[in-house]
Amino acid sequence: MRYTEYVCKKTGRYQSVGMFGNTIYAFEVLTGITDSPEYHQISKEEFDAFETWAQENITDLNKLYEIINRPVICSGYLGKEKLDTSLLQDL
């Protein structure tokens, strides 16, 4: 599966959440000078609560930092285009 198969379901200002296939929930954040996407795995519960933890003006960034410190399961960068299923966790 390639990063282009990500299906965006909810959007925030600089990020979104969506899915790869029917079972892999992901957080998409745009990075670098070219706004290349990076995808981090999230749980169904984190997906459902996206509007709460992804607000631009929240003061508690713990959830956002927790997610972006997880492995990048795939990205728009050369050599990382395919979903690395070995990095998936049981969330």
Protein backbone atom coordinates (compact mmCIF):
# COMPACT_ATOMS: atom_id res chain seq x y z
CA MET A 1 0.00 0.00 0.00
CA ARG A 2 1.36 3.46 -0.94
CA TYR A 3 0.95 6.78 0.87
CA THR A 4 -1.29 7.90 -2.00
CA GLU A 5 -3.89 5.34 -0.84
CA TYR A 6 -4.51 7.31 2.37
CA VAL A 7 -8.15 8.42 2.59
CA CYS A 8 -8.65 11.66 4.53
CA LYS A 9 -11.72 11.55 6.79
CA LYS A 10 -11.31 14.65 9.03
CA THR A 11 -9.19 17.76 8.61
CA GLY A 12 -7.58 20.28 10.91
CA ARG A 13 -5.53 23.34 10.10
CA TYR A 14 -2.24 21.61 9.26
CA GLN A 15 -3.11 17.96 9.76
CA SER A 16 -5.76 15.36 9.10
CA VAL A 17 -6.78 11.89 10.17
CA GLY A 18 -7.93 9.12 7.91
CA MET A 19 -7.37 5.53 6.97
CA PHE A 20 -5.31 3.10 4.97
CA GLY A 21 -7.66 0.34 3.94
CA ASN A 22 -10.43 -0.52 6.38
CA THR A 23 -8.46 -1.06 9.57
CA ILE A 24 -5.43 1.24 9.79
CA TYR A 25 -6.16 4.67 11.25
CA ALA A 26 -3.54 7.33 10.59
CA PHE A 27 -2.61 10.88 11.48
CA GLU A 28 -1.27 12.91 8.54
CA VAL A 29 0.99 15.88 9.13
CA LEU A 30 2.64 17.97 6.43
CA THR A 31 6.39 18.37 6.93
CA GLY A 32 9.39 20.00 5.37
CA ILE A 33 9.72 22.83 2.92
CA THR A 34 7.53 21.03 0.36
CA ASP A 35 4.78 20.02 2.80
CA SER A 36 5.40 16.31 2.24
CA PRO A 37 2.96 14.16 4.18
CA GLU A 38 4.03 11.87 7.00
CA TYR A 39 1.67 9.31 8.48
CA HIS A 40 1.62 8.06 12.06
CA GLN A 41 -0.64 5.24 13.23
CA ILE A 42 -3.44 6.18 15.63
CA SER A 43 -6.13 4.19 17.40
CA LYS A 44 -9.86 4.28 16.58
CA GLU A 45 -10.40 6.20 19.83
CA GLU A 46 -7.80 8.83 18.85
CA PHE A 47 -9.43 9.08 15.42
CA ASP A 48 -12.84 9.66 17.02
CA ALA A 49 -11.42 12.33 19.38
CA PHE A 50 -9.44 14.19 16.67
CA GLU A 51 -11.42 17.42 17.00
CA THR A 52 -10.52 17.59 20.70
CA TRP A 53 -6.78 16.95 20.63
CA ALA A 54 -5.98 18.66 17.30
CA GLN A 55 -7.39 22.10 18.04
CA GLU A 56 -5.01 24.88 17.12
CA ASN A 57 -5.32 26.67 20.45
CA ILE A 58 -5.16 23.76 22.91
CA THR A 59 -2.80 24.20 25.84
CA ASP A 60 -2.18 20.50 26.49
CA LEU A 61 -0.16 19.16 23.55
CA ASN A 62 0.65 15.81 25.18
CA LYS A 63 -1.59 13.77 22.84
CA LEU A 64 -0.21 15.47 19.72
CA TYR A 65 3.40 14.95 20.87
CA GLU A 66 2.67 11.32 21.77
CA ILE A 67 1.36 10.64 18.26
CA ILE A 68 4.11 12.43 16.31
CA ASN A 69 6.74 10.56 18.30
CA ARG A 70 5.38 7.25 17.02
CA PRO A 71 7.10 5.70 13.99
CA VAL A 72 6.32 7.15 10.58
CA ILE A 73 4.49 4.27 8.89
CA CYS A 74 4.91 5.88 5.45
CA SER A 75 5.42 9.30 3.92
CA GLY A 76 5.67 11.28 0.72
CA TYR A 77 9.46 11.26 0.94
CA LEU A 78 11.45 9.25 -1.58
CA GLY A 79 12.04 5.75 -0.27
CA LYS A 80 9.23 5.87 2.30
CA GLU A 81 6.23 5.78 -0.07
CA LYS A 82 5.06 2.29 0.89
CA LEU A 83 3.28 1.47 4.13
CA ASP A 84 5.70 -0.30 6.47
CA THR A 85 3.44 -2.82 8.19
CA SER A 86 6.28 -3.93 10.47
CA LEU A 87 5.89 -0.59 12.29
CA LEU A 88 2.19 -1.06 13.04
CA GLN A 89 1.33 -1.35 16.72
CA ASP A 90 -1.61 -2.86 18.55
CA LEU A 91 -3.28 0.38 19.61
